[in-house]
Amino acid sequence: MRALHKENHLIQRIGWLRAAVLGANDGLISTSSLIVGVATATPASHEILVAGIAGLVAGAMSMAAGEYVSVSSQADAEKADMARERHELATQPEAELAELAAIYQQRGLSSDLALQVAKQMTAKDAFEAHARDELGLTGHVMARPVQAAFTSAVTFATGAALPLIVALLVPAGTAAWAVSLACLVGLAVLGAVGARTGGASIWRPTSRVVFWGIVAMASTAAIGSLVGRAV
C-alpha cells in the first residue's frame, strides 16, 4: 500500500501573510516618504529623526488598530452566519439537507449521488459540512483579529526601522537620497520574499511595489521642497 504524501498548500498562509506584507510595505513606504519629505524641507537631523520615530510609532499603532477593527468586523459576520446556520440545522434539517445536496449537484454530481453525499456528510458533522460548503468557511480563511493586529504592528515597525536607521547613520544632507535608495532596495526584497512565500512569481509583485514606493517618495519630496522654500 502506497503511503499518502502530505501536501502543504500555500493558501494556509494567507491570514498572516497578507497582514505581514501589508504591514512591512506600509511601514517602509510611509516612513521613508515621511523622512524624505522632511529631509527635503530641512537639513536638521533632529527634525528628521523625530519625524521618523513619530511615523514609526503612530503607523504601527494605526495599523494594529485598523487591522483589529476590520478583521473583527469580518469575524463578527462569520459568527453571525455560523449562529444562523446552527439554528437552521436545528429547526429545518430537511431543508438544509436539500440545500447541501443542491450545492453538490451544482458542482457536478448527479442528483442521487449529491443527496447520498449530503446525507453522509451530514451524518458525520452537519455543521462542518455546511460551514465549509455553504458558507465557504474553513480554518485557513477564518478571521483572526488579534493575529492580524499583532502581525501588522510588528511588521510595520520592522519595515519602518530601515529608513530610520539609514537616516540616523548618514549625513543630514544626504538623508533624502540615502533613505530613498534604501527604501527601494527594501521594497524589492519584500516584494520578492512575499511573492516567494505565497508561491507566486517574484517579478510582477516586486515591480509594482517598487513603482508605488517611487511615486510615494517623489510626491512627499516635491511637497517637502515646496514647503521648505515657502518657509
C-alpha atoms as a PDB file:
ATOM      1  CA  MET A   1       0.000   0.000   0.000  1.00  0.00           C
ATOM      2  CA  ARG A   2       1.410   3.377  -1.016  1.00  0.00           C
ATOM      3  CA  ALA A   3       1.849   5.915   1.746  1.00  0.00           C
ATOM      4  CA  LEU A   4      -0.118   9.128   1.331  1.00  0.00           C
ATOM      5  CA  HIS A   5       2.052  12.183   0.927  1.00  0.00           C
ATOM      6  CA  LYS A   6       1.372  15.314   2.928  1.00  0.00           C
ATOM      7  CA  GLU A   7       0.588  18.443   0.948  1.00  0.00           C
ATOM      8  CA  ASN A   8       1.394  21.860   2.394  1.00  0.00           C
ATOM      9  CA  HIS A   9      -0.820  24.248   0.482  1.00  0.00           C
ATOM     10  CA  LEU A  10       0.281  27.885   0.438  1.00  0.00           C
ATOM     11  CA  ILE A  11      -3.299  29.124   0.889  1.00  0.00           C
ATOM     12  CA  GLN A  12      -2.917  28.197   4.574  1.00  0.00           C
ATOM     13  CA  ARG A  13      -0.563  31.152   4.948  1.00  0.00           C
ATOM     14  CA  ILE A  14      -2.982  33.736   3.615  1.00  0.00           C
ATOM     15  CA  GLY A  15      -4.173  35.008   7.011  1.00  0.00           C
ATOM     16  CA  TRP A  16      -0.834  36.145   8.384  1.00  0.00           C
ATOM     17  CA  LEU A  17       0.894  36.645   5.026  1.00  0.00           C
ATOM     18  CA  ARG A  18      -1.495  39.388   3.905  1.00  0.00           C
ATOM     19  CA  ALA A  19      -1.109  41.312   7.173  1.00  0.00           C
ATOM     20  CA  ALA A  20       2.672  40.815   7.217  1.00  0.00           C
ATOM     21  CA  VAL A  21       3.250  42.003   3.647  1.00  0.00           C
ATOM     22  CA  LEU A  22       0.876  44.934   4.053  1.00  0.00           C
ATOM     23  CA  GLY A  23       2.447  45.990   7.361  1.00  0.00           C
ATOM     24  CA  ALA A  24       6.065  45.792   6.207  1.00  0.00           C
ATOM     25  CA  ASN A  25       5.413  47.548   2.898  1.00  0.00           C
ATOM     26  CA  ASP A  26       3.357  50.265   4.565  1.00  0.00           C
ATOM     27  CA  GLY A  27       5.976  50.806   7.266  1.00  0.00           C
ATOM     28  CA  LEU A  28       8.781  51.056   4.737  1.00  0.00           C
ATOM     29  CA  ILE A  29       6.982  53.275   2.233  1.00  0.00           C
ATOM     30  CA  SER A  30       5.214  55.627   4.649  1.00  0.00           C
ATOM     31  CA  THR A  31       8.181  56.174   6.961  1.00  0.00           C
ATOM     32  CA  SER A  32      10.637  56.558   4.070  1.00  0.00           C
ATOM     33  CA  SER A  33       8.296  59.024   2.372  1.00  0.00           C
ATOM     34  CA  LEU A  34       7.882  60.974   5.600  1.00  0.00           C
ATOM     35  CA  ILE A  35      11.637  61.152   6.164  1.00  0.00           C
ATOM     36  CA  VAL A  36      12.306  62.101   2.530  1.00  0.00           C
ATOM     37  CA  GLY A  37       9.695  64.861   2.706  1.00  0.00           C
ATOM     38  CA  VAL A  38      11.107  66.312   5.934  1.00  0.00           C
ATOM     39  CA  ALA A  39      14.724  65.925   4.760  1.00  0.00           C
ATOM     40  CA  THR A  40      13.878  67.793   1.562  1.00  0.00           C
ATOM     41  CA  ALA A  41      12.326  70.626   3.558  1.00  0.00           C
ATOM     42  CA  THR A  42      15.020  70.915   6.241  1.00  0.00           C
ATOM     43  CA  PRO A  43      18.561  69.576   6.769  1.00  0.00           C
ATOM     44  CA  ALA A  44      18.145  69.438  10.564  1.00  0.00           C
ATOM     45  CA  SER A  45      18.975  65.889  11.699  1.00  0.00           C
ATOM     46  CA  HIS A  46      16.916  66.019  14.881  1.00  0.00           C
ATOM     47  CA  GLU A  47      13.774  67.068  12.996  1.00  0.00           C
ATOM     48  CA  ILE A  48      14.238  64.231  10.526  1.00  0.00           C
ATOM     49  CA  LEU A  49      14.697  61.680  13.311  1.00  0.00           C
ATOM     50  CA  VAL A  50      11.739  62.968  15.332  1.00  0.00           C
ATOM     51  CA  ALA A  51       9.528  62.727  12.264  1.00  0.00           C
ATOM     52  CA  GLY A  52      10.760  59.207  11.536  1.00  0.00           C
ATOM     53  CA  ILE A  53      10.257  57.940  15.084  1.00  0.00           C
ATOM     54  CA  ALA A  54       6.810  59.530  15.310  1.00  0.00           C
ATOM     55  CA  GLY A  55       5.878  57.973  11.980  1.00  0.00           C
ATOM     56  CA  LEU A  56       7.041  54.533  13.138  1.00  0.00           C
ATOM     57  CA  VAL A  57       5.119  54.583  16.429  1.00  0.00           C
ATOM     58  CA  ALA A  58       1.960  56.195  15.059  1.00  0.00           C
ATOM     59  CA  GLY A  59       1.934  53.979  11.994  1.00  0.00           C
ATOM     60  CA  ALA A  60       2.396  50.751  13.947  1.00  0.00           C
ATOM     61  CA  MET A  61      -0.435  51.655  16.329  1.00  0.00           C
ATOM     62  CA  SER A  62      -2.656  52.739  13.457  1.00  0.00           C
ATOM     63  CA  MET A  63      -2.008  49.518  11.542  1.00  0.00           C
ATOM     64  CA  ALA A  64      -2.758  47.405  14.621  1.00  0.00           C
ATOM     65  CA  ALA A  65      -5.972  49.271  15.374  1.00  0.00           C
ATOM     66  CA  GLY A  66      -7.117  49.276  11.761  1.00  0.00           C
ATOM     67  CA  GLU A  67      -6.444  45.577  11.244  1.00  0.00           C
ATOM     68  CA  TYR A  68      -8.098  44.643  14.541  1.00  0.00           C
ATOM     69  CA  VAL A  69     -11.245  46.640  13.808  1.00  0.00           C
ATOM     70  CA  SER A  70     -11.603  45.492  10.193  1.00  0.00           C
ATOM     71  CA  VAL A  71     -10.839  41.830  10.862  1.00  0.00           C
ATOM     72  CA  SER A  72     -13.092  41.900  13.950  1.00  0.00           C
ATOM     73  CA  SER A  73     -15.939  43.052  11.711  1.00  0.00           C
ATOM     74  CA  GLN A  74     -15.256  40.084   9.441  1.00  0.00           C
ATOM     75  CA  ALA A  75     -15.156  37.767  12.462  1.00  0.00           C
ATOM     76  CA  ASP A  76     -18.478  39.157  13.721  1.00  0.00           C
ATOM     77  CA  ALA A  77     -20.079  38.491  10.341  1.00  0.00           C
ATOM     78  CA  GLU A  78     -18.695  34.950  10.310  1.00  0.00           C
ATOM     79  CA  LYS A  79     -20.001  34.270  13.822  1.00  0.00           C
ATOM     80  CA  ALA A  80     -23.449  35.598  12.877  1.00  0.00           C
ATOM     81  CA  ASP A  81     -23.555  33.368   9.793  1.00  0.00           C
ATOM     82  CA  MET A  82     -22.466  30.333  11.801  1.00  0.00           C
ATOM     83  CA  ALA A  83     -25.061  31.006  14.521  1.00  0.00           C
ATOM     84  CA  ARG A  84     -27.757  31.336  11.861  1.00  0.00           C
ATOM     85  CA  GLU A  85     -26.624  28.087  10.258  1.00  0.00           C
ATOM     86  CA  ARG A  86     -26.722  26.230  13.585  1.00  0.00           C
ATOM     87  CA  HIS A  87     -30.258  27.484  14.169  1.00  0.00           C
ATOM     88  CA  GLU A  88     -31.401  26.410  10.699  1.00  0.00           C
ATOM     89  CA  LEU A  89     -29.849  22.970  11.135  1.00  0.00           C
ATOM     90  CA  ALA A  90     -31.697  22.547  14.426  1.00  0.00           C
ATOM     91  CA  THR A  91     -35.074  23.794  13.143  1.00  0.00           C
ATOM     92  CA  GLN A  92     -35.038  22.899   9.424  1.00  0.00           C
ATOM     93  CA  PRO A  93     -32.809  19.830   8.984  1.00  0.00           C
ATOM     94  CA  GLU A  94     -34.574  18.534   5.868  1.00  0.00           C
ATOM     95  CA  ALA A  95     -34.394  21.892   4.091  1.00  0.00           C
ATOM     96  CA  GLU A  96     -30.709  22.187   4.991  1.00  0.00           C
ATOM     97  CA  LEU A  97     -30.053  18.667   3.688  1.00  0.00           C
ATOM     98  CA  ALA A  98     -31.729  19.546   0.384  1.00  0.00           C
ATOM     99  CA  GLU A  99     -29.698  22.762   0.225  1.00  0.00           C
ATOM    100  CA  LEU A 100     -26.438  20.879   0.749  1.00  0.00           C
ATOM    101  CA  ALA A 101     -27.395  18.310  -1.884  1.00  0.00           C
ATOM    102  CA  ALA A 102     -28.142  21.127  -4.333  1.00  0.00           C
ATOM    103  CA  ILE A 103     -24.668  22.567  -3.728  1.00  0.00           C
ATOM    104  CA  TYR A 104     -23.041  19.233  -4.550  1.00  0.00           C
ATOM    105  CA  GLN A 105     -25.268  18.847  -7.598  1.00  0.00           C
ATOM    106  CA  GLN A 106     -24.165  22.270  -8.878  1.00  0.00           C
ATOM    107  CA  ARG A 107     -20.569  21.057  -8.570  1.00  0.00           C
ATOM    108  CA  GLY A 108     -21.208  18.228 -10.984  1.00  0.00           C
ATOM    109  CA  LEU A 109     -22.712  15.309  -9.067  1.00  0.00           C
ATOM    110  CA  SER A 110     -25.901  13.628 -10.168  1.00  0.00           C
ATOM    111  CA  SER A 111     -28.963  14.344  -8.054  1.00  0.00           C
ATOM    112  CA  ASP A 112     -28.976  10.881  -6.455  1.00  0.00           C
ATOM    113  CA  LEU A 113     -25.245  10.939  -5.698  1.00  0.00           C
ATOM    114  CA  ALA A 114     -25.432  14.511  -4.425  1.00  0.00           C
ATOM    115  CA  LEU A 115     -28.177  13.531  -1.978  1.00  0.00           C
ATOM    116  CA  GLN A 116     -26.204  10.474  -0.873  1.00  0.00           C
ATOM    117  CA  VAL A 117     -23.069  12.565  -0.276  1.00  0.00           C
ATOM    118  CA  ALA A 118     -25.079  15.216   1.582  1.00  0.00           C
ATOM    119  CA  LYS A 119     -26.544  12.566   3.880  1.00  0.00           C
ATOM    120  CA  GLN A 120     -23.125  11.082   4.618  1.00  0.00           C
ATOM    121  CA  MET A 121     -21.563  14.474   5.270  1.00  0.00           C
ATOM    122  CA  THR A 122     -24.491  15.463   7.485  1.00  0.00           C
ATOM    123  CA  ALA A 123     -24.219  12.231   9.442  1.00  0.00           C
ATOM    124  CA  LYS A 124     -20.530  12.862  10.069  1.00  0.00           C
ATOM    125  CA  ASP A 125     -20.730  16.577  11.015  1.00  0.00           C
ATOM    126  CA  ALA A 126     -23.630  18.556   9.612  1.00  0.00           C
ATOM    127  CA  PHE A 127     -22.439  21.945  10.808  1.00  0.00           C
ATOM    128  CA  GLU A 128     -18.892  21.481   9.490  1.00  0.00           C
ATOM    129  CA  ALA A 129     -20.236  20.417   6.107  1.00  0.00           C
ATOM    130  CA  HIS A 130     -22.500  23.464   5.829  1.00  0.00           C
ATOM    131  CA  ALA A 131     -19.856  25.867   7.139  1.00  0.00           C
ATOM    132  CA  ARG A 132     -17.363  24.621   4.569  1.00  0.00           C
ATOM    133  CA  ASP A 133     -19.561  24.011   1.517  1.00  0.00           C
ATOM    134  CA  GLU A 134     -22.351  26.542   2.007  1.00  0.00           C
ATOM    135  CA  LEU A 135     -20.612  29.413   3.808  1.00  0.00           C
ATOM    136  CA  GLY A 136     -17.086  28.815   2.489  1.00  0.00           C
ATOM    137  CA  LEU A 137     -15.600  28.967   5.986  1.00  0.00           C
ATOM    138  CA  THR A 138     -12.546  26.815   6.709  1.00  0.00           C
ATOM    139  CA  GLY A 139      -9.724  27.098   9.216  1.00  0.00           C
ATOM    140  CA  HIS A 140      -7.231  28.917   6.983  1.00  0.00           C
ATOM    141  CA  VAL A 141      -9.672  31.661   5.916  1.00  0.00           C
ATOM    142  CA  MET A 142     -11.337  32.367   9.264  1.00  0.00           C
ATOM    143  CA  ALA A 143     -10.775  35.876  10.602  1.00  0.00           C
ATOM    144  CA  ARG A 144      -8.224  36.223  13.422  1.00  0.00           C
ATOM    145  CA  PRO A 145      -8.266  39.849  14.655  1.00  0.00           C
ATOM    146  CA  VAL A 146      -5.524  39.586  17.292  1.00  0.00           C
ATOM    147  CA  GLN A 147      -3.158  37.753  14.945  1.00  0.00           C
ATOM    148  CA  ALA A 148      -3.757  40.300  12.179  1.00  0.00           C
ATOM    149  CA  ALA A 149      -3.286  43.284  14.525  1.00  0.00           C
ATOM    150  CA  PHE A 150      -0.090  41.934  16.095  1.00  0.00           C
ATOM    151  CA  THR A 151       1.398  40.904  12.752  1.00  0.00           C
ATOM    152  CA  SER A 152       0.632  44.270  11.171  1.00  0.00           C
ATOM    153  CA  ALA A 153       2.113  46.274  14.069  1.00  0.00           C
ATOM    154  CA  VAL A 154       5.321  44.242  14.270  1.00  0.00           C
ATOM    155  CA  THR A 155       5.920  44.141  10.522  1.00  0.00           C
ATOM    156  CA  PHE A 156       5.128  47.850  10.144  1.00  0.00           C
ATOM    157  CA  ALA A 157       7.687  48.709  12.821  1.00  0.00           C
ATOM    158  CA  THR A 158      10.211  46.382  11.190  1.00  0.00           C
ATOM    159  CA  GLY A 159       9.726  47.985   7.789  1.00  0.00           C
ATOM    160  CA  ALA A 160       9.838  51.491   9.260  1.00  0.00           C
ATOM    161  CA  ALA A 161      13.069  50.753  11.137  1.00  0.00           C
ATOM    162  CA  LEU A 162      15.122  50.520   7.929  1.00  0.00           C
ATOM    163  CA  PRO A 163      14.750  54.135   6.733  1.00  0.00           C
ATOM    164  CA  LEU A 164      15.041  55.374  10.314  1.00  0.00           C
ATOM    165  CA  ILE A 165      18.372  53.593  10.798  1.00  0.00           C
ATOM    166  CA  VAL A 166      19.653  54.872   7.456  1.00  0.00           C
ATOM    167  CA  ALA A 167      18.654  58.440   8.328  1.00  0.00           C
ATOM    168  CA  LEU A 168      20.443  58.089  11.651  1.00  0.00           C
ATOM    169  CA  LEU A 169      23.692  56.862  10.088  1.00  0.00           C
ATOM    170  CA  VAL A 170      24.125  59.083   7.041  1.00  0.00           C
ATOM    171  CA  PRO A 171      24.962  62.823   6.970  1.00  0.00           C
ATOM    172  CA  ALA A 172      21.886  65.034   7.116  1.00  0.00           C
ATOM    173  CA  GLY A 173      22.454  66.468   3.661  1.00  0.00           C
ATOM    174  CA  THR A 174      22.295  63.028   2.060  1.00  0.00           C
ATOM    175  CA  ALA A 175      19.380  61.641   4.076  1.00  0.00           C
ATOM    176  CA  ALA A 176      16.773  62.046   1.343  1.00  0.00           C
ATOM    177  CA  TRP A 177      18.761  60.187  -1.311  1.00  0.00           C
ATOM    178  CA  ALA A 178      20.101  57.533   1.065  1.00  0.00           C
ATOM    179  CA  VAL A 179      16.673  56.770   2.505  1.00  0.00           C
ATOM    180  CA  SER A 180      15.117  56.672  -0.975  1.00  0.00           C
ATOM    181  CA  LEU A 181      17.687  54.159  -2.191  1.00  0.00           C
ATOM    182  CA  ALA A 182      17.377  52.018   0.953  1.00  0.00           C
ATOM    183  CA  CYS A 183      13.593  52.067   0.635  1.00  0.00           C
ATOM    184  CA  LEU A 184      13.636  50.872  -2.977  1.00  0.00           C
ATOM    185  CA  VAL A 185      16.052  48.071  -2.149  1.00  0.00           C
ATOM    186  CA  GLY A 186      13.949  47.087   0.855  1.00  0.00           C
ATOM    187  CA  LEU A 187      10.744  47.136  -1.201  1.00  0.00           C
ATOM    188  CA  ALA A 188      12.327  44.941  -3.860  1.00  0.00           C
ATOM    189  CA  VAL A 189      13.396  42.434  -1.221  1.00  0.00           C
ATOM    190  CA  LEU A 190       9.971  42.479   0.463  1.00  0.00           C
ATOM    191  CA  GLY A 191       8.187  42.063  -2.851  1.00  0.00           C
ATOM    192  CA  ALA A 192      10.355  39.097  -3.774  1.00  0.00           C
ATOM    193  CA  VAL A 193      10.071  37.451  -0.341  1.00  0.00           C
ATOM    194  CA  GLY A 194       6.304  37.963  -0.175  1.00  0.00           C
ATOM    195  CA  ALA A 195       5.816  36.544  -3.657  1.00  0.00           C
ATOM    196  CA  ARG A 196       8.062  33.571  -2.964  1.00  0.00           C
ATOM    197  CA  THR A 197       6.323  32.852   0.345  1.00  0.00           C
ATOM    198  CA  GLY A 198       2.981  32.901  -1.424  1.00  0.00           C
ATOM    199  CA  GLY A 199       4.274  30.697  -4.236  1.00  0.00           C
ATOM    200  CA  ALA A 200       3.980  33.359  -6.956  1.00  0.00           C
ATOM    201  CA  SER A 201       6.441  34.723  -9.497  1.00  0.00           C
ATOM    202  CA  ILE A 202       8.626  37.431  -7.939  1.00  0.00           C
ATOM    203  CA  TRP A 203       8.862  39.916 -10.823  1.00  0.00           C
ATOM    204  CA  ARG A 204       5.387  41.410 -11.010  1.00  0.00           C
ATOM    205  CA  PRO A 205       4.862  41.852  -7.218  1.00  0.00           C
ATOM    206  CA  THR A 206       8.350  43.308  -6.890  1.00  0.00           C
ATOM    207  CA  SER A 207       7.987  45.782  -9.746  1.00  0.00           C
ATOM    208  CA  ARG A 208       4.605  47.074  -8.623  1.00  0.00           C
ATOM    209  CA  VAL A 209       5.637  47.682  -5.009  1.00  0.00           C
ATOM    210  CA  VAL A 210       8.813  49.448  -6.153  1.00  0.00           C
ATOM    211  CA  PHE A 211       6.773  51.588  -8.549  1.00  0.00           C
ATOM    212  CA  TRP A 212       4.389  52.763  -5.838  1.00  0.00           C
ATOM    213  CA  GLY A 213       7.309  53.398  -3.492  1.00  0.00           C
ATOM    214  CA  ILE A 214       8.838  55.721  -6.104  1.00  0.00           C
ATOM    215  CA  VAL A 215       5.507  57.524  -6.546  1.00  0.00           C
ATOM    216  CA  ALA A 216       5.060  57.990  -2.771  1.00  0.00           C
ATOM    217  CA  MET A 217       8.579  59.296  -2.125  1.00  0.00           C
ATOM    218  CA  ALA A 218       8.573  61.555  -5.180  1.00  0.00           C
ATOM    219  CA  SER A 219       5.283  63.085  -4.026  1.00  0.00           C
ATOM    220  CA  THR A 220       6.482  63.809  -0.489  1.00  0.00           C
ATOM    221  CA  ALA A 221       9.839  65.072  -1.779  1.00  0.00           C
ATOM    222  CA  ALA A 222       8.021  67.551  -4.007  1.00  0.00           C
ATOM    223  CA  ILE A 223       5.829  68.713  -1.137  1.00  0.00           C
ATOM    224  CA  GLY A 224       8.822  68.980   1.198  1.00  0.00           C
ATOM    225  CA  SER A 225      10.718  71.044  -1.348  1.00  0.00           C
ATOM    226  CA  LEU A 226       7.803  73.432  -1.844  1.00  0.00           C
ATOM    227  CA  VAL A 227       7.216  73.823   1.910  1.00  0.00           C
ATOM    228  CA  GLY A 228      10.931  74.281   2.567  1.00  0.00           C
ATOM    229  CA  ARG A 229      11.157  77.075   0.037  1.00  0.00           C
ATOM    230  CA  ALA A 230       7.993  78.749   1.315  1.00  0.00           C
ATOM    231  CA  VAL A 231       9.202  78.679   4.904  1.00  0.00           C
END
